[in-house]
C-alpha atoms as a PDB file:
ATOM      1  CA  ALA A   1     -15.128   1.426  -9.701  1.00  0.00           C
ATOM      2  CA  ASN A   2     -12.025   3.026 -11.155  1.00  0.00           C
ATOM      3  CA  GLY A   3     -11.076   5.756  -8.665  1.00  0.00           C
ATOM      4  CA  ALA A   4     -12.531   8.589 -10.746  1.00  0.00           C
ATOM      5  CA  GLY A   5     -12.486  11.880  -8.869  1.00  0.00           C
ATOM      6  CA  GLN A   6     -10.133  10.611  -6.148  1.00  0.00           C
ATOM      7  CA  THR A   7      -6.505  11.507  -5.465  1.00  0.00           C
ATOM      8  CA  ILE A   8      -4.028   8.989  -4.054  1.00  0.00           C
ATOM      9  CA  ALA A   9      -0.821  10.289  -2.476  1.00  0.00           C
ATOM     10  CA  ILE A  10       2.200   7.976  -2.459  1.00  0.00           C
ATOM     11  CA  VAL A  11       5.047   8.733  -0.043  1.00  0.00           C
ATOM     12  CA  ASP A  12       8.517   7.517  -1.014  1.00  0.00           C
ATOM     13  CA  ALA A  13      12.018   8.752  -0.277  1.00  0.00           C
ATOM     14  CA  TYR A  14      13.985  10.332  -3.163  1.00  0.00           C
ATOM     15  CA  GLY A  15      11.482   9.254  -5.817  1.00  0.00           C
ATOM     16  CA  SER A  16      12.685   8.468  -9.317  1.00  0.00           C
ATOM     17  CA  PRO A  17      14.213  10.797 -11.926  1.00  0.00           C
ATOM     18  CA  THR A  18      12.586   8.768 -14.715  1.00  0.00           C
ATOM     19  CA  ILE A  19       9.142   8.226 -13.188  1.00  0.00           C
ATOM     20  CA  VAL A  20       7.164  10.047 -15.905  1.00  0.00           C
ATOM     21  CA  ASN A  21       8.869   8.143 -18.735  1.00  0.00           C
ATOM     22  CA  ASP A  22       8.509   4.881 -16.844  1.00  0.00           C
ATOM     23  CA  VAL A  23       4.778   5.148 -16.197  1.00  0.00           C
ATOM     24  CA  GLU A  24       4.233   6.152 -19.828  1.00  0.00           C
ATOM     25  CA  GLN A  25       6.115   3.042 -20.988  1.00  0.00           C
ATOM     26  CA  PHE A  26       4.180   0.883 -18.515  1.00  0.00           C
ATOM     27  CA  ASN A  27       0.808   2.294 -19.572  1.00  0.00           C
ATOM     28  CA  ASN A  28       1.584   2.009 -23.278  1.00  0.00           C
ATOM     29  CA  TYR A  29       2.526  -1.654 -22.978  1.00  0.00           C
ATOM     30  CA  TRP A  30      -0.509  -2.651 -20.921  1.00  0.00           C
ATOM     31  CA  GLY A  31      -3.021  -0.420 -22.701  1.00  0.00           C
ATOM     32  CA  LEU A  32      -3.688   1.900 -19.763  1.00  0.00           C
ATOM     33  CA  SER A  33      -4.569   5.562 -20.171  1.00  0.00           C
ATOM     34  CA  ASP A  34      -2.156   8.303 -19.120  1.00  0.00           C
ATOM     35  CA  ALA A  35      -5.128  10.496 -18.142  1.00  0.00           C
ATOM     36  CA  ASP A  36      -7.141  10.683 -14.940  1.00  0.00           C
ATOM     37  CA  SER A  37     -10.909  11.218 -14.924  1.00  0.00           C
ATOM     38  CA  SER A  38     -10.409  14.985 -15.423  1.00  0.00           C
ATOM     39  CA  GLY A  39      -8.405  14.450 -18.595  1.00  0.00           C
ATOM     40  CA  ASN A  40      -5.120  15.534 -16.999  1.00  0.00           C
ATOM     41  CA  PHE A  41      -1.943  13.457 -16.847  1.00  0.00           C
ATOM     42  CA  PHE A  42      -2.647  11.082 -13.983  1.00  0.00           C
ATOM     43  CA  LEU A  43       0.615  11.695 -12.102  1.00  0.00           C
ATOM     44  CA  SER A  44       1.967  14.738 -10.271  1.00  0.00           C
ATOM     45  CA  VAL A  45       5.312  14.823  -8.455  1.00  0.00           C
ATOM     46  CA  ASP A  46       6.038  16.889  -5.335  1.00  0.00           C
ATOM     47  CA  ALA A  47       9.714  16.784  -4.316  1.00  0.00           C
ATOM     48  CA  LEU A  48      10.204  18.047  -0.747  1.00  0.00           C
ATOM     49  CA  SER A  49      13.297  20.018   0.199  1.00  0.00           C
ATOM     50  CA  PRO A  50      15.980  18.601   2.525  1.00  0.00           C
ATOM     51  CA  THR A  51      15.807  19.432   6.212  1.00  0.00           C
ATOM     52  CA  ALA A  52      18.233  19.343   9.118  1.00  0.00           C
ATOM     53  CA  ASN A  53      17.077  15.747   9.707  1.00  0.00           C
ATOM     54  CA  SER A  54      17.769  14.574   6.164  1.00  0.00           C
ATOM     55  CA  GLU A  55      20.319  11.820   5.682  1.00  0.00           C
ATOM     56  CA  GLN A  56      22.549  11.198   2.703  1.00  0.00           C
ATOM     57  CA  ASP A  57      22.158   7.612   1.619  1.00  0.00           C
ATOM     58  CA  SER A  58      24.264   5.536  -0.725  1.00  0.00           C
ATOM     59  CA  PRO A  59      23.580   5.497  -4.481  1.00  0.00           C
ATOM     60  CA  SER A  60      22.311   1.915  -4.255  1.00  0.00           C
ATOM     61  CA  VAL A  61      19.758   2.862  -1.578  1.00  0.00           C
ATOM     62  CA  ILE A  62      18.590   5.841  -3.634  1.00  0.00           C
ATOM     63  CA  ALA A  63      18.336   3.595  -6.701  1.00  0.00           C
ATOM     64  CA  ASP A  64      16.142   1.109  -4.821  1.00  0.00           C
ATOM     65  CA  TRP A  65      13.771   3.953  -3.947  1.00  0.00           C
ATOM     66  CA  GLY A  66      13.509   4.672  -7.684  1.00  0.00           C
ATOM     67  CA  THR A  67      12.253   1.143  -8.254  1.00  0.00           C
ATOM     68  CA  GLU A  68       9.939   1.456  -5.251  1.00  0.00           C
ATOM     69  CA  SER A  69       8.434   4.621  -6.710  1.00  0.00           C
ATOM     70  CA  SER A  70       7.748   2.924 -10.043  1.00  0.00           C
ATOM     71  CA  LEU A  71       6.183  -0.089  -8.328  1.00  0.00           C
ATOM     72  CA  ASP A  72       3.926   2.074  -6.155  1.00  0.00           C
ATOM     73  CA  VAL A  73       2.713   4.445  -8.853  1.00  0.00           C
ATOM     74  CA  GLU A  74       2.221   1.850 -11.574  1.00  0.00           C
ATOM     75  CA  TRP A  75       0.254  -0.605  -9.461  1.00  0.00           C
ATOM     76  CA  ALA A  76      -1.946   1.988  -7.766  1.00  0.00           C
ATOM     77  CA  HIS A  77      -2.737   3.118 -11.318  1.00  0.00           C
ATOM     78  CA  VAL A  78      -3.597  -0.443 -12.389  1.00  0.00           C
ATOM     79  CA  ILE A  79      -6.212  -0.807  -9.637  1.00  0.00           C
ATOM     80  CA  ALA A  80      -7.640   2.746  -9.843  1.00  0.00           C
ATOM     81  CA  PRO A  81      -6.830   3.842 -13.405  1.00  0.00           C
ATOM     82  CA  GLU A  82      -8.892   7.053 -13.357  1.00  0.00           C
ATOM     83  CA  ALA A  83      -7.667   8.348 -10.006  1.00  0.00           C
ATOM     84  CA  HIS A  84      -5.055  11.078  -9.845  1.00  0.00           C
ATOM     85  CA  ILE A  85      -1.785  10.128  -8.132  1.00  0.00           C
ATOM     86  CA  VAL A  86       0.619  12.473  -6.362  1.00  0.00           C
ATOM     87  CA  LEU A  87       4.102  11.077  -5.727  1.00  0.00           C
ATOM     88  CA  VAL A  88       5.434  12.871  -2.635  1.00  0.00           C
ATOM     89  CA  GLU A  89       9.218  12.520  -2.569  1.00  0.00           C
ATOM     90  CA  ALA A  90      10.718  12.788   0.913  1.00  0.00           C
ATOM     91  CA  PRO A  91      14.276  14.211   0.893  1.00  0.00           C
ATOM     92  CA  SER A  92      15.682  11.150   2.693  1.00  0.00           C
ATOM     93  CA  GLN A  93      14.598   7.861   4.235  1.00  0.00           C
ATOM     94  CA  SER A  94      14.900   9.113   7.829  1.00  0.00           C
ATOM     95  CA  LEU A  95      11.752   8.480   9.859  1.00  0.00           C
ATOM     96  CA  ILE A  96      11.152  12.176  10.489  1.00  0.00           C
ATOM     97  CA  ASP A  97      11.499  13.081   6.787  1.00  0.00           C
ATOM     98  CA  LEU A  98       9.106  10.315   5.743  1.00  0.00           C
ATOM     99  CA  ALA A  99       6.686  11.229   8.552  1.00  0.00           C
ATOM    100  CA  ASP A 100       6.793  14.896   7.498  1.00  0.00           C
ATOM    101  CA  ALA A 101       6.099  13.818   3.920  1.00  0.00           C
ATOM    102  CA  ASN A 102       3.037  11.919   5.148  1.00  0.00           C
ATOM    103  CA  VAL A 103       1.768  15.066   6.912  1.00  0.00           C
ATOM    104  CA  TYR A 104       2.302  17.027   3.702  1.00  0.00           C
ATOM    105  CA  ALA A 105       0.493  14.362   1.664  1.00  0.00           C
ATOM    106  CA  THR A 106      -2.563  14.130   3.925  1.00  0.00           C
ATOM    107  CA  ALA A 107      -3.013  17.909   3.805  1.00  0.00           C
ATOM    108  CA  LEU A 108      -3.017  18.151  -0.001  1.00  0.00           C
ATOM    109  CA  ALA A 109      -6.325  19.260  -1.475  1.00  0.00           C
ATOM    110  CA  GLY A 110      -8.243  16.334  -2.914  1.00  0.00           C
ATOM    111  CA  VAL A 111      -6.131  13.601  -1.312  1.00  0.00           C
ATOM    112  CA  THR A 112      -8.297  10.918   0.298  1.00  0.00           C
ATOM    113  CA  VAL A 113      -5.796   8.072   0.768  1.00  0.00           C
ATOM    114  CA  VAL A 114      -2.036   7.999   1.410  1.00  0.00           C
ATOM    115  CA  SER A 115       0.195   4.991   0.693  1.00  0.00           C
ATOM    116  CA  ASN A 116       3.431   4.336   2.609  1.00  0.00           C
ATOM    117  CA  SER A 117       5.410   1.372   1.229  1.00  0.00           C
ATOM    118  CA  TRP A 118       8.116   1.579   3.855  1.00  0.00           C
ATOM    119  CA  GLY A 119       8.634   0.819   7.520  1.00  0.00           C
ATOM    120  CA  ILE A 120      11.119   0.833  10.388  1.00  0.00           C
ATOM    121  CA  PRO A 121      11.246  -1.982  12.985  1.00  0.00           C
ATOM    122  CA  THR A 122       9.463  -0.844  16.118  1.00  0.00           C
ATOM    123  CA  ALA A 123      12.377  -2.278  18.118  1.00  0.00           C
ATOM    124  CA  ASP A 124      14.604   0.395  16.554  1.00  0.00           C
ATOM    125  CA  ILE A 125      12.381   3.309  17.622  1.00  0.00           C
ATOM    126  CA  THR A 126      12.017   4.674  21.140  1.00  0.00           C
ATOM    127  CA  GLU A 127       8.295   4.961  21.897  1.00  0.00           C
ATOM    128  CA  PRO A 128       7.124   4.619  18.296  1.00  0.00           C
ATOM    129  CA  ASP A 129       3.568   5.641  19.231  1.00  0.00           C
ATOM    130  CA  ARG A 130       4.787   9.199  19.870  1.00  0.00           C
ATOM    131  CA  TYR A 131       4.943   9.587  16.087  1.00  0.00           C
ATOM    132  CA  ASP A 132       1.266   8.722  15.638  1.00  0.00           C
ATOM    133  CA  GLY A 133       0.243  12.343  15.137  1.00  0.00           C
ATOM    134  CA  PHE A 134       2.159  12.390  11.855  1.00  0.00           C
ATOM    135  CA  PHE A 135      -0.136   9.679  10.474  1.00  0.00           C
ATOM    136  CA  ALA A 136      -3.567  10.792  11.683  1.00  0.00           C
ATOM    137  CA  THR A 137      -6.200  12.233   9.372  1.00  0.00           C
ATOM    138  CA  PRO A 138      -5.916  16.045   9.511  1.00  0.00           C
ATOM    139  CA  ALA A 139      -8.341  17.573  11.996  1.00  0.00           C
ATOM    140  CA  ALA A 140      -9.694  19.888   9.323  1.00  0.00           C
ATOM    141  CA  LYS A 141      -9.374  20.213   5.570  1.00  0.00           C
ATOM    142  CA  ALA A 142     -10.970  22.769   3.286  1.00  0.00           C
ATOM    143  CA  ASN A 143     -13.506  20.116   2.266  1.00  0.00           C
ATOM    144  CA  GLU A 144     -15.016  18.799   5.501  1.00  0.00           C
ATOM    145  CA  ASN A 145     -16.041  15.557   3.759  1.00  0.00           C
ATOM    146  CA  GLU A 146     -12.476  14.880   2.616  1.00  0.00           C
ATOM    147  CA  ASN A 147     -11.257  12.402   5.198  1.00  0.00           C
ATOM    148  CA  VAL A 148      -7.945  10.643   4.614  1.00  0.00           C
ATOM    149  CA  ALA A 149      -7.095   6.969   5.156  1.00  0.00           C
ATOM    150  CA  VAL A 150      -3.406   6.232   5.704  1.00  0.00           C
ATOM    151  CA  ILE A 151      -2.025   2.909   4.442  1.00  0.00           C
ATOM    152  CA  ALA A 152       1.351   1.307   5.281  1.00  0.00           C
ATOM    153  CA  SER A 153       3.199  -1.899   4.408  1.00  0.00           C
ATOM    154  CA  SER A 154       3.579  -4.384   7.257  1.00  0.00           C
ATOM    155  CA  GLY A 155       6.974  -5.540   5.956  1.00  0.00           C
ATOM    156  CA  ASP A 156       8.585  -8.568   4.371  1.00  0.00           C
ATOM    157  CA  ASP A 157      10.434 -10.406   7.137  1.00  0.00           C
ATOM    158  CA  SER A 158       7.884 -11.151   9.889  1.00  0.00           C
ATOM    159  CA  THR A 159       9.031  -8.070  11.831  1.00  0.00           C
ATOM    160  CA  LEU A 160       6.617  -5.517  13.288  1.00  0.00           C
ATOM    161  CA  LEU A 161       7.215  -2.257  11.409  1.00  0.00           C
ATOM    162  CA  TYR A 162       6.224   1.337  12.057  1.00  0.00           C
ATOM    163  CA  PRO A 163       4.106   3.127  10.813  1.00  0.00           C
ATOM    164  CA  SER A 164       1.999   0.052   9.953  1.00  0.00           C
ATOM    165  CA  ALA A 165       2.074  -0.680  13.702  1.00  0.00           C
ATOM    166  CA  SER A 166       0.422   2.685  14.430  1.00  0.00           C
ATOM    167  CA  ILE A 167      -3.191   2.587  15.544  1.00  0.00           C
ATOM    168  CA  GLU A 168      -3.727   5.538  13.163  1.00  0.00           C
ATOM    169  CA  VAL A 169      -2.700   3.484  10.118  1.00  0.00           C
ATOM    170  CA  VAL A 170      -4.217   0.580   8.188  1.00  0.00           C
ATOM    171  CA  GLY A 171      -1.433  -2.023   8.133  1.00  0.00           C
ATOM    172  CA  ILE A 172      -1.255  -4.048   4.905  1.00  0.00           C
ATOM    173  CA  GLY A 173       0.095  -7.603   4.844  1.00  0.00           C
ATOM    174  CA  GLY A 174       0.936 -10.035   2.082  1.00  0.00           C
ATOM    175  CA  MET A 175      -0.562 -13.101   0.450  1.00  0.00           C
ATOM    176  CA  THR A 176       0.361 -15.383  -2.391  1.00  0.00           C
ATOM    177  CA  LEU A 177      -1.985 -15.276  -5.383  1.00  0.00           C
ATOM    178  CA  ASP A 178      -2.132 -17.845  -8.174  1.00  0.00           C
ATOM    179  CA  THR A 179      -3.953 -17.096 -11.429  1.00  0.00           C
ATOM    180  CA  ASP A 180      -4.375 -18.758 -14.794  1.00  0.00           C
ATOM    181  CA  LEU A 181      -3.198 -17.135 -18.034  1.00  0.00           C
ATOM    182  CA  SER A 182      -6.533 -15.332 -18.357  1.00  0.00           C
ATOM    183  CA  GLY A 183      -6.136 -13.688 -14.971  1.00  0.00           C
ATOM    184  CA  ASN A 184      -8.734 -15.796 -13.176  1.00  0.00           C
ATOM    185  CA  ILE A 185      -7.901 -16.345  -9.501  1.00  0.00           C
ATOM    186  CA  LEU A 186      -7.235 -20.024  -8.815  1.00  0.00           C
ATOM    187  CA  THR A 187      -6.091 -20.071  -5.198  1.00  0.00           C
ATOM    188  CA  LEU A 188      -5.067 -17.652  -2.480  1.00  0.00           C
ATOM    189  CA  GLY A 189      -2.729 -18.375   0.385  1.00  0.00           C
ATOM    190  CA  ASP A 190      -0.686 -16.824   3.157  1.00  0.00           C
ATOM    191  CA  TRP A 191       2.757 -15.445   2.341  1.00  0.00           C
ATOM    192  CA  ALA A 192       5.078 -16.607   5.097  1.00  0.00           C
ATOM    193  CA  ASP A 193       7.357 -13.560   4.973  1.00  0.00           C
ATOM    194  CA  SER A 194       4.611 -10.993   5.495  1.00  0.00           C
ATOM    195  CA  GLY A 195       5.426  -8.773   8.456  1.00  0.00           C
ATOM    196  CA  GLY A 196       3.128  -8.308  11.407  1.00  0.00           C
ATOM    197  CA  GLY A 197       2.475  -8.765  15.074  1.00  0.00           C
ATOM    198  CA  SER A 198       0.747  -7.093  17.970  1.00  0.00           C
ATOM    199  CA  ASP A 199       1.844  -3.623  19.048  1.00  0.00           C
ATOM    200  CA  THR A 200       1.586  -3.506  22.819  1.00  0.00           C
ATOM    201  CA  ASP A 201       2.177   0.270  22.904  1.00  0.00           C
ATOM    202  CA  TYR A 202      -1.599   0.521  22.572  1.00  0.00           C
ATOM    203  CA  THR A 203      -4.411  -0.671  24.837  1.00  0.00           C
ATOM    204  CA  PRO A 204      -5.878  -2.894  23.610  1.00  0.00           C
ATOM    205  CA  ALA A 205      -2.930  -3.974  21.492  1.00  0.00           C
ATOM    206  CA  TYR A 206      -3.254  -3.143  17.795  1.00  0.00           C
ATOM    207  CA  ASN A 207      -2.865  -6.230  15.585  1.00  0.00           C
ATOM    208  CA  VAL A 208      -1.050  -5.791  12.289  1.00  0.00           C
ATOM    209  CA  PRO A 209      -1.779  -6.347   9.461  1.00  0.00           C
ATOM    210  CA  VAL A 210      -5.460  -5.518   9.086  1.00  0.00           C
ATOM    211  CA  VAL A 211      -5.830  -6.648   5.460  1.00  0.00           C
ATOM    212  CA  SER A 212      -3.628  -8.073   2.703  1.00  0.00           C
ATOM    213  CA  ALA A 213      -3.071  -8.408  -1.009  1.00  0.00           C
ATOM    214  CA  ASP A 214      -0.617 -10.211  -3.273  1.00  0.00           C
ATOM    215  CA  ALA A 215       2.956  -9.753  -2.038  1.00  0.00           C
ATOM    216  CA  ASP A 216       4.735 -13.052  -2.651  1.00  0.00           C
ATOM    217  CA  PRO A 217       7.573 -12.321  -5.132  1.00  0.00           C
ATOM    218  CA  LEU A 218       6.916 -15.750  -6.662  1.00  0.00           C
ATOM    219  CA  THR A 219       3.463 -14.458  -7.650  1.00  0.00           C
ATOM    220  CA  GLY A 220       4.725 -10.930  -8.215  1.00  0.00           C
ATOM    221  CA  VAL A 221       4.209  -8.326 -10.918  1.00  0.00           C
ATOM    222  CA  TRP A 222       5.898  -6.568 -13.817  1.00  0.00           C
ATOM    223  CA  VAL A 223       7.306  -3.103 -13.127  1.00  0.00           C
ATOM    224  CA  TYR A 224       8.936  -0.672 -15.548  1.00  0.00           C
ATOM    225  CA  ASP A 225      11.853   1.232 -13.984  1.00  0.00           C
ATOM    226  CA  SER A 226      14.641   2.735 -16.086  1.00  0.00           C
ATOM    227  CA  SER A 227      16.095   4.844 -13.264  1.00  0.00           C
ATOM    228  CA  ASN A 228      18.926   2.421 -12.620  1.00  0.00           C
ATOM    229  CA  ASN A 229      20.495  -0.736 -13.991  1.00  0.00           C
ATOM    230  CA  VAL A 230      20.535  -2.631 -10.699  1.00  0.00           C
ATOM    231  CA  PRO A 231      17.241  -4.351  -9.868  1.00  0.00           C
ATOM    232  CA  LEU A 232      15.939  -4.920  -6.379  1.00  0.00           C
ATOM    233  CA  THR A 233      17.330  -7.991  -4.633  1.00  0.00           C
ATOM    234  CA  GLY A 234      15.506 -11.066  -5.858  1.00  0.00           C
ATOM    235  CA  ALA A 235      14.061  -9.357  -8.934  1.00  0.00           C
ATOM    236  CA  ASN A 236      15.098  -9.980 -12.524  1.00  0.00           C
ATOM    237  CA  GLN A 237      15.599  -7.198 -15.031  1.00  0.00           C
ATOM    238  CA  ILE A 238      15.300  -7.638 -18.773  1.00  0.00           C
ATOM    239  CA  ASP A 239      14.741  -5.447 -21.809  1.00  0.00           C
ATOM    240  CA  GLY A 240      15.841  -2.100 -20.427  1.00  0.00           C
ATOM    241  CA  GLY A 241      13.551  -1.074 -17.615  1.00  0.00           C
ATOM    242  CA  TRP A 242      11.299  -4.101 -17.230  1.00  0.00           C
ATOM    243  CA  LEU A 243      11.467  -5.866 -13.870  1.00  0.00           C
ATOM    244  CA  TYR A 244       9.479  -9.019 -13.220  1.00  0.00           C
ATOM    245  CA  GLU A 245       8.565 -10.972 -10.114  1.00  0.00           C
ATOM    246  CA  VAL A 246       8.565  -7.820  -7.998  1.00  0.00           C
ATOM    247  CA  GLY A 247       6.582  -8.332  -4.805  1.00  0.00           C
ATOM    248  CA  GLY A 248       6.582  -7.615  -1.097  1.00  0.00           C
ATOM    249  CA  THR A 249       4.070  -5.678   0.953  1.00  0.00           C
ATOM    250  CA  SER A 250       5.437  -2.701  -0.983  1.00  0.00           C
ATOM    251  CA  LEU A 251       3.140  -4.019  -3.726  1.00  0.00           C
ATOM    252  CA  ALA A 252       0.185  -4.744  -1.451  1.00  0.00           C
ATOM    253  CA  ALA A 253       0.091  -1.238   0.074  1.00  0.00           C
ATOM    254  CA  PRO A 254      -0.389   0.832  -3.114  1.00  0.00           C
ATOM    255  CA  MET A 255      -2.923  -1.690  -4.406  1.00  0.00           C
ATOM    256  CA  TRP A 256      -4.937  -1.354  -1.195  1.00  0.00           C
ATOM    257  CA  SER A 257      -4.669   2.421  -1.417  1.00  0.00           C
ATOM    258  CA  ALA A 258      -6.235   2.169  -4.844  1.00  0.00           C
ATOM    259  CA  TYR A 259      -8.979  -0.129  -3.521  1.00  0.00           C
ATOM    260  CA  VAL A 260      -9.785   2.524  -0.916  1.00  0.00           C
ATOM    261  CA  ALA A 261      -9.939   5.171  -3.662  1.00  0.00           C
ATOM    262  CA  THR A 262     -12.588   3.117  -5.464  1.00  0.00           C
ATOM    263  CA  ILE A 263     -14.561   2.773  -2.209  1.00  0.00           C
ATOM    264  CA  ASP A 264     -14.312   6.536  -1.693  1.00  0.00           C
ATOM    265  CA  GLN A 265     -15.492   7.060  -5.258  1.00  0.00           C
ATOM    266  CA  GLY A 266     -18.699   5.198  -4.423  1.00  0.00           C
ATOM    267  CA  LEU A 267     -19.178   7.066  -1.154  1.00  0.00           C
ATOM    268  CA  VAL A 268     -18.861  10.439  -2.878  1.00  0.00           C
ATOM    269  CA  MET A 269     -21.435   9.366  -5.488  1.00  0.00           C
ATOM    270  CA  GLN A 270     -23.814   8.766  -2.566  1.00  0.00           C
ATOM    271  CA  GLY A 271     -23.071  12.167  -1.015  1.00  0.00           C
ATOM    272  CA  LYS A 272     -21.090  10.623   1.852  1.00  0.00           C
ATOM    273  CA  PRO A 273     -17.661  11.611   3.230  1.00  0.00           C
ATOM    274  CA  THR A 274     -14.576   9.648   2.290  1.00  0.00           C
ATOM    275  CA  LEU A 275     -13.016   7.233   4.776  1.00  0.00           C
ATOM    276  CA  ASP A 276     -10.497   8.001   7.464  1.00  0.00           C
ATOM    277  CA  SER A 277      -8.327   5.210   8.853  1.00  0.00           C
ATOM    278  CA  PRO A 278     -10.420   4.341  11.975  1.00  0.00           C
ATOM    279  CA  THR A 279     -13.650   4.245   9.969  1.00  0.00           C
ATOM    280  CA  LEU A 280     -12.048   2.098   7.284  1.00  0.00           C
ATOM    281  CA  MET A 281     -10.749  -0.384   9.858  1.00  0.00           C
ATOM    282  CA  THR A 282     -14.160  -0.584  11.530  1.00  0.00           C
ATOM    283  CA  ASP A 283     -15.889  -1.118   8.183  1.00  0.00           C
ATOM    284  CA  LEU A 284     -13.416  -3.830   7.206  1.00  0.00           C
ATOM    285  CA  GLU A 285     -14.082  -5.683  10.443  1.00  0.00           C
ATOM    286  CA  VAL A 286     -17.860  -5.480  10.046  1.00  0.00           C
ATOM    287  CA  ALA A 287     -17.775  -6.452   6.363  1.00  0.00           C
ATOM    288  CA  GLY A 288     -15.372  -9.289   6.974  1.00  0.00           C
ATOM    289  CA  GLU A 289     -17.358 -10.673   9.884  1.00  0.00           C
ATOM    290  CA  GLY A 290     -20.730 -10.427   8.206  1.00  0.00           C
ATOM    291  CA  SER A 291     -20.126 -11.123   4.549  1.00  0.00           C
ATOM    292  CA  PRO A 292     -17.586 -13.771   3.519  1.00  0.00           C
ATOM    293  CA  THR A 293     -17.989 -12.737  -0.119  1.00  0.00           C
ATOM    294  CA  TYR A 294     -16.186  -9.454   0.621  1.00  0.00           C
ATOM    295  CA  PHE A 295     -12.963 -11.076   1.729  1.00  0.00           C
ATOM    296  CA  SER A 296     -11.547 -14.389   0.745  1.00  0.00           C
ATOM    297  CA  ASN A 297      -8.822 -16.414   2.393  1.00  0.00           C
ATOM    298  CA  LEU A 298      -7.844 -14.880   5.663  1.00  0.00           C
ATOM    299  CA  GLY A 299      -4.711 -15.139   7.623  1.00  0.00           C
ATOM    300  CA  GLN A 300      -3.354 -17.846   9.740  1.00  0.00           C
ATOM    301  CA  PRO A 301       0.372 -18.685   9.837  1.00  0.00           C
ATOM    302  CA  LYS A 302       1.300 -20.428   6.603  1.00  0.00           C
ATOM    303  CA  PRO A 303       1.490 -24.233   6.850  1.00  0.00           C
ATOM    304  CA  SER A 304       4.272 -26.296   5.298  1.00  0.00           C
ATOM    305  CA  SER A 305       2.566 -26.110   1.904  1.00  0.00           C
ATOM    306  CA  TYR A 306       0.327 -23.458   0.390  1.00  0.00           C
ATOM    307  CA  PRO A 307      -3.317 -23.998   1.328  1.00  0.00           C
ATOM    308  CA  LEU A 308      -5.765 -24.664  -1.480  1.00  0.00           C
ATOM    309  CA  TRP A 309      -8.531 -22.249  -0.516  1.00  0.00           C
ATOM    310  CA  PRO A 310     -10.765 -21.365  -3.454  1.00  0.00           C
ATOM    311  CA  VAL A 311     -11.952 -17.775  -3.575  1.00  0.00           C
ATOM    312  CA  GLY A 312     -14.602 -16.975  -0.991  1.00  0.00           C
ATOM    313  CA  THR A 313     -14.129 -20.099   1.135  1.00  0.00           C
ATOM    314  CA  GLY A 314     -11.220 -19.157   3.402  1.00  0.00           C
ATOM    315  CA  PRO A 315     -11.729 -19.019   7.171  1.00  0.00           C
ATOM    316  CA  ILE A 316     -12.643 -15.585   8.532  1.00  0.00           C
ATOM    317  CA  PRO A 317     -11.196 -14.921  12.009  1.00  0.00           C
ATOM    318  CA  ASP A 318     -12.198 -12.139  14.345  1.00  0.00           C
ATOM    319  CA  PRO A 319      -9.627  -9.378  13.679  1.00  0.00           C
ATOM    320  CA  GLY A 320      -9.356  -8.809  17.416  1.00  0.00           C
ATOM    321  CA  SER A 321      -8.141 -12.359  17.901  1.00  0.00           C
ATOM    322  CA  ILE A 322      -5.563 -12.523  15.116  1.00  0.00           C
ATOM    323  CA  PRO A 323      -2.561 -14.119  16.834  1.00  0.00           C
ATOM    324  CA  SER A 324       0.669 -12.264  17.356  1.00  0.00           C
ATOM    325  CA  HIS A 325       2.549 -12.386  14.061  1.00  0.00           C
ATOM    326  CA  GLY A 326      -0.552 -13.524  12.217  1.00  0.00           C
ATOM    327  CA  ASN A 327       0.560 -12.399   8.789  1.00  0.00           C
ATOM    328  CA  THR A 328      -2.439 -11.555   6.644  1.00  0.00           C
ATOM    329  CA  GLY A 329      -5.420 -10.195   8.579  1.00  0.00           C
ATOM    330  CA  PHE A 330      -8.385 -10.045   6.239  1.00  0.00           C
ATOM    331  CA  GLY A 331      -7.355 -11.239   2.812  1.00  0.00           C
ATOM    332  CA  PHE A 332      -7.694 -10.158  -0.772  1.00  0.00           C
ATOM    333  CA  PRO A 333     -11.040  -8.508  -1.662  1.00  0.00           C
ATOM    334  CA  ASP A 334     -12.861 -10.514  -4.321  1.00  0.00           C
ATOM    335  CA  THR A 335     -15.929  -8.424  -5.133  1.00  0.00           C
ATOM    336  CA  PHE A 336     -14.211  -7.081  -8.256  1.00  0.00           C
ATOM    337  CA  ALA A 337     -14.342 -10.572  -9.770  1.00  0.00           C
END
C-alpha cells in the first residue's frame, strides 16, 4: 500500500514559493523518491487567481502558509510515496476562497481525496452548514468510479472548526505518539489540545473528530521549509530550512489523506470505486466496532498523565456516543505495522 495510481489534492492558502526545492531536499535526506507511480515528478502546483473575496494578509501569515504547505505535501508523500499530489493554492485564507479551492480540487481528474489543514471556528460563521455544498463529493466526474473523500483538521485548541464540523467532511483529530529509535510504536495517547465537539447544526449532531493521527508537537515531525526564516510558533528551525517538532492536526490531516489514498489503491485493484466521505465514515465505524486490530487507542478526554495503552488494546467507543469535545474519535490505524 503506497498510494500508486491515486492523486491527493492538498488545499492551502498562498502555498509556498520554494515548495519544489523543499520537497526535493526532504526526499533526498530521507531517501524518498521524487517520482510517483507513473514516473512523473510526484508534485503539481495549481495556483488559483484572486477573486473579489480575496483578502490581503500580512507577510507573517503568508509565511506560515508556506510552512503549512511544506508540512502537508511532505507528510502526505511519506505515507503514500507513490501517489501523485496536487497542491491547490487558494489566493487568500478567506473561507470562500478556501472553499472554492476545495471545489476546484475535488473536480480535478484523478483526484480521490482532498486534504484541508485549516479551519475557522464555527462560532465565527453564520450558519456554517450552508457551506457544505463546497465540500461534498462532486455529483458526477468523468470517471464514475472516482469518488472523492474530503479530509479536514479538527484544530489545535479544543474549538469546533469548520469545515471539519461539516457532515460532508471527515474530521481529523490529534493524538500523541511515542516511538523508539527504530520507529516502533511504544504507546499512543490522546492529545489534549486536539479540537472537536458536536455540531448541532445537523440532526443527529455530527461528532468531530472521526479519526486521529499524531498531532502532539512534542511527538512531532521534521519538515523542510526554506520559504521563510521565521518558523511556526512553538517550532524550532535549524540548518536552513529544517523545522523539527512540527505538529498539530495540520499534520494529522494530510497523513490521513494519504491513508485514504492507500485504501483507494486497494479498492481500484479489486475493480471497486474509490471512497467518498460518507462511505469512508461508515466504513470506519464498522471497522472500528468490529475489529480492534484496525484502530488502536481511541479517544476519551486526556487524563492528567498520558495513558499507557499498548497498540491494539485501547478502548473502542461507539462513534455515535463520543462525548462533546471528545478529542480523538477512532485513533491511529495500526495495520501497517
